[in-house]
Amino acid sequence: MQKNSKTTWDTRTLVFLGLLVAMHIVLVRLVVIELGSYRITIGSVCTILAGLWFGPLAGGVSGLVSDVLGCILKGYAINPLISVAAVLWGVIPALFRTMMTGGKVRKTAWLCAGIAVTSVLSTLVFTTAGLVLFIGYNFYAIMPGRIVQWAIMTPIYCVLTCILYFSPLTSLVLGATVRRENRVA
């Protein structure tokens, strides 16, 4: 029976995912500007990269683990809708990866499209719903600021993710995986 690299997690994959989770927690919980219902941070880039490098399942697990551990470390209650938003950051861009064919411009466009879709669902839908339903914020009071936050952060996520994903770092992560699979086969 042939192993599927997208569902088999070896030690190396788990180490990379653990590193990405740790980076996410540091970026989201420590390197952050918190303004009540608004949080300015770039931690979601780590979850996006986990999904792009290791598949949607790994990205989703990375987002969930990051959110749960981050809540525990900060003393927050776990908000299920915000946890869903964290999972989506790892899943949706990874699903768009299958459409990333052709030249670098086309790949960049598809990657940014995946991030934009995720940003709308995560930031404007699930996180806002979590803040309104579980914490009690007034929807009409926070939505204008969340739209501004979304409009500022989405291009930043796109730029940072593209820089990191199209860098030699991705070749290092994926290249070593390919070489290891060829050795096993």
Protein backbone atom coordinates (compact mmCIF):
# COMPACT_ATOMS: atom_id res chain seq x y z
CA MET A 1 0.00 0.00 0.00
CA GLN A 2 1.38 3.39 -0.99
CA LYS A 3 1.52 6.13 1.62
CA ASN A 4 -0.09 9.48 0.88
CA SER A 5 2.25 12.29 1.94
CA LYS A 6 -0.68 14.63 2.58
CA THR A 7 -2.15 12.41 5.30
CA THR A 8 1.01 10.85 6.76
CA TRP A 9 2.65 13.01 9.37
CA ASP A 10 6.17 11.99 10.20
CA THR A 11 8.36 13.47 12.91
CA ARG A 12 9.75 16.14 10.62
CA THR A 13 6.27 17.34 9.64
CA LEU A 14 5.18 17.46 13.27
CA VAL A 15 8.29 19.46 14.17
CA PHE A 16 7.57 21.99 11.41
CA LEU A 17 3.92 22.23 12.48
CA GLY A 18 4.97 22.68 16.11
CA LEU A 19 7.35 25.44 15.09
CA LEU A 20 4.62 27.18 13.08
CA VAL A 21 2.19 26.87 16.02
CA ALA A 22 4.79 28.37 18.37
CA MET A 23 5.47 31.23 15.96
CA HIS A 24 1.74 31.84 15.59
CA ILE A 25 1.26 32.01 19.37
CA VAL A 26 4.16 34.41 19.81
CA LEU A 27 2.94 36.66 17.00
CA VAL A 28 -0.74 36.64 18.01
CA ARG A 29 -0.40 36.78 21.79
CA LEU A 30 2.79 38.77 22.33
CA VAL A 31 3.48 40.84 19.19
CA VAL A 32 0.01 42.32 18.92
CA ILE A 33 -1.89 45.58 19.12
CA GLU A 34 -5.13 44.90 21.00
CA LEU A 35 -7.89 47.47 20.73
CA GLY A 36 -10.91 45.79 22.34
CA SER A 37 -12.70 43.89 19.59
CA TYR A 38 -9.84 44.60 17.17
CA ARG A 39 -6.51 42.81 17.12
CA ILE A 40 -3.69 43.79 14.78
CA THR A 41 -1.31 40.87 14.31
CA ILE A 42 0.33 38.83 11.57
CA GLY A 43 0.16 35.41 13.26
CA SER A 44 -2.30 33.97 10.75
CA VAL A 45 0.50 33.89 8.17
CA CYS A 46 2.01 30.94 10.10
CA THR A 47 -1.26 29.00 9.86
CA ILE A 48 -1.60 29.82 6.16
CA LEU A 49 1.92 28.51 5.52
CA ALA A 50 1.18 25.33 7.49
CA GLY A 51 -1.75 24.65 5.18
CA LEU A 52 0.16 25.50 2.02
CA TRP A 53 3.16 23.36 2.93
CA PHE A 54 1.49 20.35 4.57
CA GLY A 55 -2.09 20.35 3.30
CA PRO A 56 -5.47 21.62 4.48
CA LEU A 57 -5.80 19.11 7.33
CA ALA A 58 -2.44 20.11 8.79
CA GLY A 59 -3.28 23.79 8.33
CA GLY A 60 -6.61 23.37 10.10
CA VAL A 61 -5.06 21.45 12.98
CA SER A 62 -2.32 24.07 13.24
CA GLY A 63 -4.91 26.85 13.44
CA LEU A 64 -6.99 25.03 16.05
CA VAL A 65 -4.01 24.13 18.24
CA SER A 66 -2.68 27.69 17.98
CA ASP A 67 -6.02 29.15 19.00
CA VAL A 68 -6.62 26.77 21.91
CA LEU A 69 -3.10 27.09 23.31
CA GLY A 70 -3.16 30.85 22.83
CA CYS A 71 -6.45 31.13 24.72
CA ILE A 72 -5.10 29.03 27.57
CA LEU A 73 -1.90 31.07 27.78
CA LYS A 74 -3.78 34.39 27.75
CA GLY A 75 -6.51 33.22 30.13
CA TYR A 76 -9.34 33.56 27.62
CA ALA A 77 -12.27 31.20 27.33
CA ILE A 78 -12.21 29.25 24.08
CA ASN A 79 -14.70 30.82 21.67
CA PRO A 80 -15.87 28.14 19.20
CA LEU A 81 -16.62 30.58 16.37
CA ILE A 82 -13.22 32.22 16.68
CA SER A 83 -11.67 28.73 16.73
CA VAL A 84 -13.47 27.95 13.46
CA ALA A 85 -11.99 31.16 12.02
CA ALA A 86 -8.51 30.03 13.10
CA VAL A 87 -9.03 26.65 11.41
CA LEU A 88 -10.18 28.32 8.18
CA TRP A 89 -6.89 30.26 7.94
CA GLY A 90 -5.10 26.95 7.46
CA VAL A 91 -7.69 25.18 5.30
CA ILE A 92 -8.98 27.58 2.63
CA PRO A 93 -5.67 28.92 1.23
CA ALA A 94 -4.44 25.31 1.08
CA LEU A 95 -7.50 24.37 -0.98
CA PHE A 96 -6.70 27.21 -3.38
CA ARG A 97 -3.18 25.75 -3.79
CA THR A 98 -4.55 23.20 -6.28
CA MET A 99 -5.43 26.09 -8.62
CA MET A 100 -1.95 27.61 -8.37
CA THR A 101 -0.63 26.57 -11.77
CA GLY A 102 1.15 28.53 -14.45
CA GLY A 103 3.45 31.47 -13.92
CA LYS A 104 4.32 33.27 -10.73
CA VAL A 105 1.78 36.05 -11.33
CA ARG A 106 -1.04 33.52 -11.73
CA LYS A 107 0.10 31.59 -8.65
CA THR A 108 0.29 34.82 -6.66
CA ALA A 109 -3.21 35.82 -7.80
CA TRP A 110 -4.70 32.47 -6.72
CA LEU A 111 -2.85 32.57 -3.41
CA CYS A 112 -4.11 36.10 -2.71
CA ALA A 113 -7.64 35.08 -3.73
CA GLY A 114 -7.54 32.25 -1.20
CA ILE A 115 -6.29 34.60 1.50
CA ALA A 116 -8.97 37.19 0.64
CA VAL A 117 -11.78 34.61 0.80
CA THR A 118 -10.43 33.33 4.10
CA SER A 119 -10.06 36.84 5.45
CA VAL A 120 -13.70 37.66 4.70
CA LEU A 121 -14.96 34.43 6.28
CA SER A 122 -12.62 34.48 9.27
CA THR A 123 -12.40 38.18 10.11
CA LEU A 124 -15.77 39.53 9.04
CA VAL A 125 -18.03 36.51 9.53
CA PHE A 126 -16.85 33.99 12.15
CA THR A 127 -14.74 36.18 14.43
CA THR A 128 -17.30 38.99 14.39
CA ALA A 129 -20.08 36.48 15.11
CA GLY A 130 -18.01 35.05 17.98
CA LEU A 131 -17.49 38.50 19.45
CA VAL A 132 -21.18 39.39 19.16
CA LEU A 133 -22.73 36.07 20.25
CA PHE A 134 -20.32 34.92 22.95
CA ILE A 135 -18.77 38.12 24.29
CA GLY A 136 -21.71 40.47 23.79
CA TYR A 137 -20.29 43.20 21.57
CA ASN A 138 -22.80 45.24 19.60
CA PHE A 139 -22.62 44.21 15.93
CA TYR A 140 -23.30 47.70 14.60
CA ALA A 141 -20.69 49.23 16.89
CA ILE A 142 -17.81 46.90 15.96
CA MET A 143 -18.48 46.12 12.29
CA PRO A 144 -17.17 49.41 10.80
CA GLY A 145 -13.87 48.99 12.66
CA ARG A 146 -13.65 45.32 11.71
CA ILE A 147 -14.10 46.25 8.05
CA VAL A 148 -11.23 48.74 8.36
CA GLN A 149 -9.13 46.08 10.11
CA TRP A 150 -9.97 43.59 7.34
CA ALA A 151 -9.10 46.11 4.60
CA ILE A 152 -5.72 46.86 6.17
CA MET A 153 -4.69 43.36 7.23
CA THR A 154 -5.72 41.37 4.11
CA PRO A 155 -3.10 42.97 1.81
CA ILE A 156 -0.49 42.59 4.56
CA TYR A 157 -1.32 38.87 4.87
CA CYS A 158 -1.10 38.52 1.08
CA VAL A 159 2.28 40.25 0.81
CA LEU A 160 3.88 38.40 3.73
CA THR A 161 2.54 35.01 2.67
CA CYS A 162 3.67 35.48 -0.95
CA ILE A 163 7.13 36.61 0.14
CA LEU A 164 7.55 33.58 2.41
CA TYR A 165 5.82 31.02 0.19
CA PHE A 166 7.74 31.97 -2.96
CA SER A 167 11.05 32.15 -1.09
CA PRO A 168 13.72 29.43 -0.83
CA LEU A 169 12.14 28.46 2.50
CA THR A 170 9.32 26.65 0.69
CA SER A 171 11.79 24.80 -1.52
CA LEU A 172 13.66 23.76 1.60
CA VAL A 173 10.53 22.47 3.34
CA LEU A 174 8.99 20.78 0.29
CA GLY A 175 12.27 19.73 -1.33
CA ALA A 176 13.41 17.81 1.72
CA THR A 177 10.03 16.07 1.87
CA VAL A 178 10.27 15.01 -1.78
CA ARG A 179 13.83 13.72 -1.36
CA ARG A 180 12.83 11.74 1.75
CA GLU A 181 9.86 10.12 -0.08
CA ASN A 182 12.08 9.14 -3.00
CA ARG A 183 14.52 7.50 -0.60
CA VAL A 184 11.74 5.47 1.07
CA ALA A 185 10.26 4.34 -2.25
